[in-house]
Amino acid sequence: MFSRLWRSSETDGFGDVHVLAVDDSLVDRKVIERLLKITSCKVTAVDSGWRALQYLGLDQEKTSADFVNVDLIITDYCMPGMTGYELLKKIKGSATFREVPVVIMSSENVVARIDRCLEEGAEDFIVKPVKLSDVKRLMFGAKEEKPSFNKRKLEEMSDDSSTSPQSPKSTSSSSSSSSTPPFSPSQLEQ
């Protein structure tokens, strides 16, 4: 998903990668912020789609001197005022940020919602709770020679062919089979 140039040659981290995290829930915002910081990302967290647009300068015309460099946007789907889907559409409609990958998170695993977001240009859809393995998959997926696939896309591919794919890593929805448990609120205070 990300250019290999983003990876620091001195560490396994992504210190130069700037992620904009958008979630109206303080707890969910802190969890995603903590998970991203573990992978050495720079994180800017905001509490709404409107604040994300303000940060990006998409709520008004912005001059090149005010340009914000963001490498990934990860947003909750269900937020008051502006949904993650509406934010996705505004970002993908922007000349400045249309190439920035957008990942949608939701606590609801609704197939029609997932499909709609992917069709609008979302890079991935993650079902909450977001785990460290989800973030690592997003950040380190570029290391793999084979492209990462969204679980929904894999299902569509398997429907189209008579043989099933060779178990590539799924890039969506958290499942109970994952070995990395989500953070508890007490771990966030560490």
C-alpha atoms as a PDB file:
ATOM      1  CA  MET A   1       0.000   0.000   0.000  1.00  0.00           C
ATOM      2  CA  PHE A   2       2.813   2.385   0.820  1.00  0.00           C
ATOM      3  CA  SER A   3       5.949   3.193  -1.100  1.00  0.00           C
ATOM      4  CA  ARG A   4       9.012   1.380   0.173  1.00  0.00           C
ATOM      5  CA  LEU A   5      10.748   4.761   0.210  1.00  0.00           C
ATOM      6  CA  TRP A   6       8.719   5.647   3.293  1.00  0.00           C
ATOM      7  CA  ARG A   7      10.482   3.037   5.345  1.00  0.00           C
ATOM      8  CA  SER A   8      13.475   4.363   7.144  1.00  0.00           C
ATOM      9  CA  SER A   9      16.648   2.573   6.087  1.00  0.00           C
ATOM     10  CA  GLU A  10      17.894   2.743   9.664  1.00  0.00           C
ATOM     11  CA  THR A  11      14.851   1.296  11.422  1.00  0.00           C
ATOM     12  CA  ASP A  12      11.819  -0.822  10.729  1.00  0.00           C
ATOM     13  CA  GLY A  13       9.600   2.141  11.588  1.00  0.00           C
ATOM     14  CA  PHE A  14       7.724   4.620   9.452  1.00  0.00           C
ATOM     15  CA  GLY A  15       8.896   7.795  11.209  1.00  0.00           C
ATOM     16  CA  ASP A  16       8.339   9.959   8.141  1.00  0.00           C
ATOM     17  CA  VAL A  17       4.808   8.673   7.539  1.00  0.00           C
ATOM     18  CA  HIS A  18       2.163  11.137   8.669  1.00  0.00           C
ATOM     19  CA  VAL A  19      -1.258   9.648   9.418  1.00  0.00           C
ATOM     20  CA  LEU A  20      -4.420  11.664   9.963  1.00  0.00           C
ATOM     21  CA  ALA A  21      -6.712   9.695  12.312  1.00  0.00           C
ATOM     22  CA  VAL A  22     -10.377  10.737  12.446  1.00  0.00           C
ATOM     23  CA  ASP A  23     -12.795   9.379  15.051  1.00  0.00           C
ATOM     24  CA  ASP A  24     -15.463  11.001  17.212  1.00  0.00           C
ATOM     25  CA  SER A  25     -14.813   8.502  20.042  1.00  0.00           C
ATOM     26  CA  LEU A  26     -11.994   9.633  22.337  1.00  0.00           C
ATOM     27  CA  VAL A  27     -11.187   6.049  23.331  1.00  0.00           C
ATOM     28  CA  ASP A  28     -11.055   4.827  19.721  1.00  0.00           C
ATOM     29  CA  ARG A  29      -8.955   7.865  18.748  1.00  0.00           C
ATOM     30  CA  LYS A  30      -6.459   7.133  21.537  1.00  0.00           C
ATOM     31  CA  VAL A  31      -6.289   3.449  20.573  1.00  0.00           C
ATOM     32  CA  ILE A  32      -5.576   4.142  16.900  1.00  0.00           C
ATOM     33  CA  GLU A  33      -3.116   6.893  17.825  1.00  0.00           C
ATOM     34  CA  ARG A  34      -1.249   4.546  20.160  1.00  0.00           C
ATOM     35  CA  LEU A  35      -1.176   1.734  17.592  1.00  0.00           C
ATOM     36  CA  LEU A  36       0.158   4.049  14.891  1.00  0.00           C
ATOM     37  CA  LYS A  37       2.811   5.475  17.201  1.00  0.00           C
ATOM     38  CA  ILE A  38       4.000   1.935  17.985  1.00  0.00           C
ATOM     39  CA  THR A  39       4.870   1.647  14.286  1.00  0.00           C
ATOM     40  CA  SER A  40       6.708   5.007  14.568  1.00  0.00           C
ATOM     41  CA  CYS A  41       4.232   7.033  12.529  1.00  0.00           C
ATOM     42  CA  LYS A  42       3.602  10.704  13.085  1.00  0.00           C
ATOM     43  CA  VAL A  43      -0.086  10.961  14.021  1.00  0.00           C
ATOM     44  CA  THR A  44      -2.522  13.846  13.941  1.00  0.00           C
ATOM     45  CA  ALA A  45      -5.845  12.922  15.541  1.00  0.00           C
ATOM     46  CA  VAL A  46      -9.069  14.879  15.075  1.00  0.00           C
ATOM     47  CA  ASP A  47     -12.590  14.268  16.356  1.00  0.00           C
ATOM     48  CA  SER A  48     -14.744  14.799  13.253  1.00  0.00           C
ATOM     49  CA  GLY A  49     -14.876  14.833   9.480  1.00  0.00           C
ATOM     50  CA  TRP A  50     -15.226  18.626   9.546  1.00  0.00           C
ATOM     51  CA  ARG A  51     -12.056  18.973  11.635  1.00  0.00           C
ATOM     52  CA  ALA A  52     -10.249  16.683   9.198  1.00  0.00           C
ATOM     53  CA  LEU A  53     -11.330  18.901   6.308  1.00  0.00           C
ATOM     54  CA  GLN A  54     -10.187  21.971   8.243  1.00  0.00           C
ATOM     55  CA  TYR A  55      -6.823  20.364   8.968  1.00  0.00           C
ATOM     56  CA  LEU A  56      -6.388  19.433   5.305  1.00  0.00           C
ATOM     57  CA  GLY A  57      -7.562  22.868   4.188  1.00  0.00           C
ATOM     58  CA  LEU A  58     -10.444  21.403   2.200  1.00  0.00           C
ATOM     59  CA  ASP A  59     -13.008  23.518   4.034  1.00  0.00           C
ATOM     60  CA  GLN A  60     -11.681  26.545   2.107  1.00  0.00           C
ATOM     61  CA  GLU A  61      -9.145  27.384  -0.560  1.00  0.00           C
ATOM     62  CA  LYS A  62      -5.644  26.830   0.716  1.00  0.00           C
ATOM     63  CA  THR A  63      -2.461  28.293  -0.702  1.00  0.00           C
ATOM     64  CA  SER A  64       0.561  26.146  -1.443  1.00  0.00           C
ATOM     65  CA  ALA A  65       2.335  27.743   1.551  1.00  0.00           C
ATOM     66  CA  ASP A  66      -0.302  26.177   3.792  1.00  0.00           C
ATOM     67  CA  PHE A  67       0.000  22.683   2.271  1.00  0.00           C
ATOM     68  CA  VAL A  68      -0.291  19.827   4.757  1.00  0.00           C
ATOM     69  CA  ASN A  69       1.576  16.612   4.033  1.00  0.00           C
ATOM     70  CA  VAL A  70      -0.492  13.554   4.966  1.00  0.00           C
ATOM     71  CA  ASP A  71       0.448  10.054   3.799  1.00  0.00           C
ATOM     72  CA  LEU A  72      -2.583   8.118   5.080  1.00  0.00           C
ATOM     73  CA  ILE A  73      -6.018   9.000   6.398  1.00  0.00           C
ATOM     74  CA  ILE A  74      -7.789   6.523   8.652  1.00  0.00           C
ATOM     75  CA  THR A  75     -11.345   7.441   9.590  1.00  0.00           C
ATOM     76  CA  ASP A  76     -14.320   6.071  11.449  1.00  0.00           C
ATOM     77  CA  TYR A  77     -17.406   5.476   9.319  1.00  0.00           C
ATOM     78  CA  CYS A  78     -20.127   6.496  11.797  1.00  0.00           C
ATOM     79  CA  MET A  79     -19.593  10.037  13.053  1.00  0.00           C
ATOM     80  CA  PRO A  80     -22.063  12.839  13.733  1.00  0.00           C
ATOM     81  CA  GLY A  81     -22.173  15.699  11.248  1.00  0.00           C
ATOM     82  CA  MET A  82     -20.163  14.012   8.509  1.00  0.00           C
ATOM     83  CA  THR A  83     -19.717  10.269   8.034  1.00  0.00           C
ATOM     84  CA  GLY A  84     -16.424   8.695   7.078  1.00  0.00           C
ATOM     85  CA  TYR A  85     -17.968   7.925   3.688  1.00  0.00           C
ATOM     86  CA  GLU A  86     -18.738  11.613   3.108  1.00  0.00           C
ATOM     87  CA  LEU A  87     -15.189  12.514   4.188  1.00  0.00           C
ATOM     88  CA  LEU A  88     -13.816   9.888   1.791  1.00  0.00           C
ATOM     89  CA  LYS A  89     -15.796  11.416  -1.096  1.00  0.00           C
ATOM     90  CA  LYS A  90     -14.490  14.917  -0.319  1.00  0.00           C
ATOM     91  CA  ILE A  91     -10.882  13.691  -0.076  1.00  0.00           C
ATOM     92  CA  LYS A  92     -11.116  11.699  -3.310  1.00  0.00           C
ATOM     93  CA  GLY A  93     -12.706  14.743  -4.984  1.00  0.00           C
ATOM     94  CA  SER A  94      -9.751  16.918  -4.007  1.00  0.00           C
ATOM     95  CA  ALA A  95      -6.937  17.472  -6.500  1.00  0.00           C
ATOM     96  CA  THR A  96      -4.454  17.765  -3.624  1.00  0.00           C
ATOM     97  CA  PHE A  97      -5.365  14.659  -1.604  1.00  0.00           C
ATOM     98  CA  ARG A  98      -7.082  12.270  -4.050  1.00  0.00           C
ATOM     99  CA  GLU A  99      -4.008  10.002  -4.176  1.00  0.00           C
ATOM    100  CA  VAL A 100      -3.725   9.735  -0.383  1.00  0.00           C
ATOM    101  CA  PRO A 101      -4.889   6.292   0.783  1.00  0.00           C
ATOM    102  CA  VAL A 102      -8.007   6.406   2.967  1.00  0.00           C
ATOM    103  CA  VAL A 103      -8.873   3.532   5.298  1.00  0.00           C
ATOM    104  CA  ILE A 104     -12.358   3.331   6.811  1.00  0.00           C
ATOM    105  CA  MET A 105     -12.995   1.797  10.257  1.00  0.00           C
ATOM    106  CA  SER A 106     -16.346   0.732  11.666  1.00  0.00           C
ATOM    107  CA  SER A 107     -17.694  -1.327  14.521  1.00  0.00           C
ATOM    108  CA  GLU A 108     -20.384  -2.627  12.156  1.00  0.00           C
ATOM    109  CA  ASN A 109     -19.566  -5.228   9.522  1.00  0.00           C
ATOM    110  CA  VAL A 110     -22.114  -4.180   6.879  1.00  0.00           C
ATOM    111  CA  VAL A 111     -21.219  -5.600   3.441  1.00  0.00           C
ATOM    112  CA  ALA A 112     -23.100  -2.911   1.471  1.00  0.00           C
ATOM    113  CA  ARG A 113     -21.271  -0.197   3.441  1.00  0.00           C
ATOM    114  CA  ILE A 114     -17.904  -1.861   2.876  1.00  0.00           C
ATOM    115  CA  ASP A 115     -18.554  -2.228  -0.857  1.00  0.00           C
ATOM    116  CA  ARG A 116     -19.710   1.376  -1.165  1.00  0.00           C
ATOM    117  CA  CYS A 117     -16.560   2.683   0.535  1.00  0.00           C
ATOM    118  CA  LEU A 118     -14.250   0.511  -1.571  1.00  0.00           C
ATOM    119  CA  GLU A 119     -16.031   1.556  -4.762  1.00  0.00           C
ATOM    120  CA  GLU A 120     -15.633   5.220  -3.787  1.00  0.00           C
ATOM    121  CA  GLY A 121     -11.882   4.733  -3.465  1.00  0.00           C
ATOM    122  CA  ALA A 122     -11.166   3.563   0.084  1.00  0.00           C
ATOM    123  CA  GLU A 123      -7.943   1.607   0.297  1.00  0.00           C
ATOM    124  CA  ASP A 124      -9.293  -0.716   2.962  1.00  0.00           C
ATOM    125  CA  PHE A 125     -12.083  -1.232   5.492  1.00  0.00           C
ATOM    126  CA  ILE A 126     -11.283  -2.407   9.021  1.00  0.00           C
ATOM    127  CA  VAL A 127     -13.843  -3.673  11.496  1.00  0.00           C
ATOM    128  CA  LYS A 128     -13.217  -2.391  15.027  1.00  0.00           C
ATOM    129  CA  PRO A 129     -11.669  -2.936  17.418  1.00  0.00           C
ATOM    130  CA  VAL A 130      -8.537  -2.041  15.474  1.00  0.00           C
ATOM    131  CA  LYS A 131      -5.602  -4.190  16.496  1.00  0.00           C
ATOM    132  CA  LEU A 132      -1.852  -3.782  16.155  1.00  0.00           C
ATOM    133  CA  SER A 133      -1.893  -6.518  13.516  1.00  0.00           C
ATOM    134  CA  ASP A 134      -4.309  -4.384  11.426  1.00  0.00           C
ATOM    135  CA  VAL A 135      -1.982  -1.378  11.595  1.00  0.00           C
ATOM    136  CA  LYS A 136       1.103  -3.460  10.865  1.00  0.00           C
ATOM    137  CA  ARG A 137      -0.644  -5.024   7.888  1.00  0.00           C
ATOM    138  CA  LEU A 138      -1.494  -1.571   6.541  1.00  0.00           C
ATOM    139  CA  MET A 139       1.992  -0.214   7.088  1.00  0.00           C
ATOM    140  CA  PHE A 140       4.087  -3.241   6.214  1.00  0.00           C
ATOM    141  CA  GLY A 141       1.894  -4.611   3.408  1.00  0.00           C
ATOM    142  CA  ALA A 142       4.132  -2.789   0.927  1.00  0.00           C
ATOM    143  CA  LYS A 143       6.993  -5.129   1.823  1.00  0.00           C
ATOM    144  CA  GLU A 144       5.211  -8.085   0.264  1.00  0.00           C
ATOM    145  CA  GLU A 145       5.756  -8.769  -3.424  1.00  0.00           C
ATOM    146  CA  LYS A 146       2.148  -9.825  -3.835  1.00  0.00           C
ATOM    147  CA  PRO A 147      -0.434  -7.079  -3.373  1.00  0.00           C
ATOM    148  CA  SER A 148      -2.590  -7.080  -0.275  1.00  0.00           C
ATOM    149  CA  PHE A 149      -6.235  -7.884  -0.874  1.00  0.00           C
ATOM    150  CA  ASN A 150      -9.318  -6.767   0.911  1.00  0.00           C
ATOM    151  CA  LYS A 151     -11.324  -9.699   2.282  1.00  0.00           C
ATOM    152  CA  ARG A 152     -14.387  -8.664   0.274  1.00  0.00           C
ATOM    153  CA  LYS A 153     -12.317  -8.482  -2.914  1.00  0.00           C
ATOM    154  CA  LEU A 154     -10.950 -11.961  -2.186  1.00  0.00           C
ATOM    155  CA  GLU A 155     -14.484 -13.327  -1.885  1.00  0.00           C
ATOM    156  CA  GLU A 156     -15.371 -11.782  -5.239  1.00  0.00           C
ATOM    157  CA  MET A 157     -12.224 -13.242  -6.811  1.00  0.00           C
ATOM    158  CA  SER A 158     -12.977 -16.710  -5.471  1.00  0.00           C
ATOM    159  CA  ASP A 159     -16.508 -16.496  -6.885  1.00  0.00           C
ATOM    160  CA  ASP A 160     -15.029 -15.705 -10.317  1.00  0.00           C
ATOM    161  CA  SER A 161     -12.579 -18.610 -10.398  1.00  0.00           C
ATOM    162  CA  SER A 162     -12.928 -22.313  -9.888  1.00  0.00           C
ATOM    163  CA  THR A 163      -9.926 -22.509  -7.565  1.00  0.00           C
ATOM    164  CA  SER A 164      -9.557 -20.588  -4.356  1.00  0.00           C
ATOM    165  CA  PRO A 165      -6.684 -18.118  -3.838  1.00  0.00           C
ATOM    166  CA  GLN A 166      -3.511 -19.192  -2.061  1.00  0.00           C
ATOM    167  CA  SER A 167      -4.487 -17.646   1.292  1.00  0.00           C
ATOM    168  CA  PRO A 168      -3.101 -14.126   0.877  1.00  0.00           C
ATOM    169  CA  LYS A 169      -3.308 -12.033   4.002  1.00  0.00           C
ATOM    170  CA  SER A 170      -6.735 -10.529   4.437  1.00  0.00           C
ATOM    171  CA  THR A 171      -6.710  -6.759   4.743  1.00  0.00           C
ATOM    172  CA  SER A 172     -10.086  -6.204   6.240  1.00  0.00           C
ATOM    173  CA  SER A 173     -12.190  -6.873   9.252  1.00  0.00           C
ATOM    174  CA  SER A 174     -10.790  -7.974  12.519  1.00  0.00           C
ATOM    175  CA  SER A 175     -11.448 -11.589  13.237  1.00  0.00           C
ATOM    176  CA  SER A 176     -11.340 -13.716  16.296  1.00  0.00           C
ATOM    177  CA  SER A 177      -8.556 -15.801  14.751  1.00  0.00           C
ATOM    178  CA  SER A 178      -6.051 -12.947  14.999  1.00  0.00           C
ATOM    179  CA  SER A 179      -3.329 -13.461  17.565  1.00  0.00           C
ATOM    180  CA  THR A 180      -2.959  -9.786  18.544  1.00  0.00           C
ATOM    181  CA  PRO A 181      -5.570  -8.705  21.082  1.00  0.00           C
ATOM    182  CA  PRO A 182      -6.823  -5.090  21.078  1.00  0.00           C
ATOM    183  CA  PHE A 183      -5.477  -2.658  23.636  1.00  0.00           C
ATOM    184  CA  SER A 184      -7.312  -2.290  26.899  1.00  0.00           C
ATOM    185  CA  PRO A 185      -7.875   1.267  28.232  1.00  0.00           C
ATOM    186  CA  SER A 186      -5.298   0.645  30.986  1.00  0.00           C
ATOM    187  CA  GLN A 187      -2.604  -0.068  28.380  1.00  0.00           C
ATOM    188  CA  LEU A 188      -3.225   3.303  26.747  1.00  0.00           C
ATOM    189  CA  GLU A 189      -2.023   5.105  29.865  1.00  0.00           C
ATOM    190  CA  GLN A 190       1.405   3.460  29.742  1.00  0.00           C
END
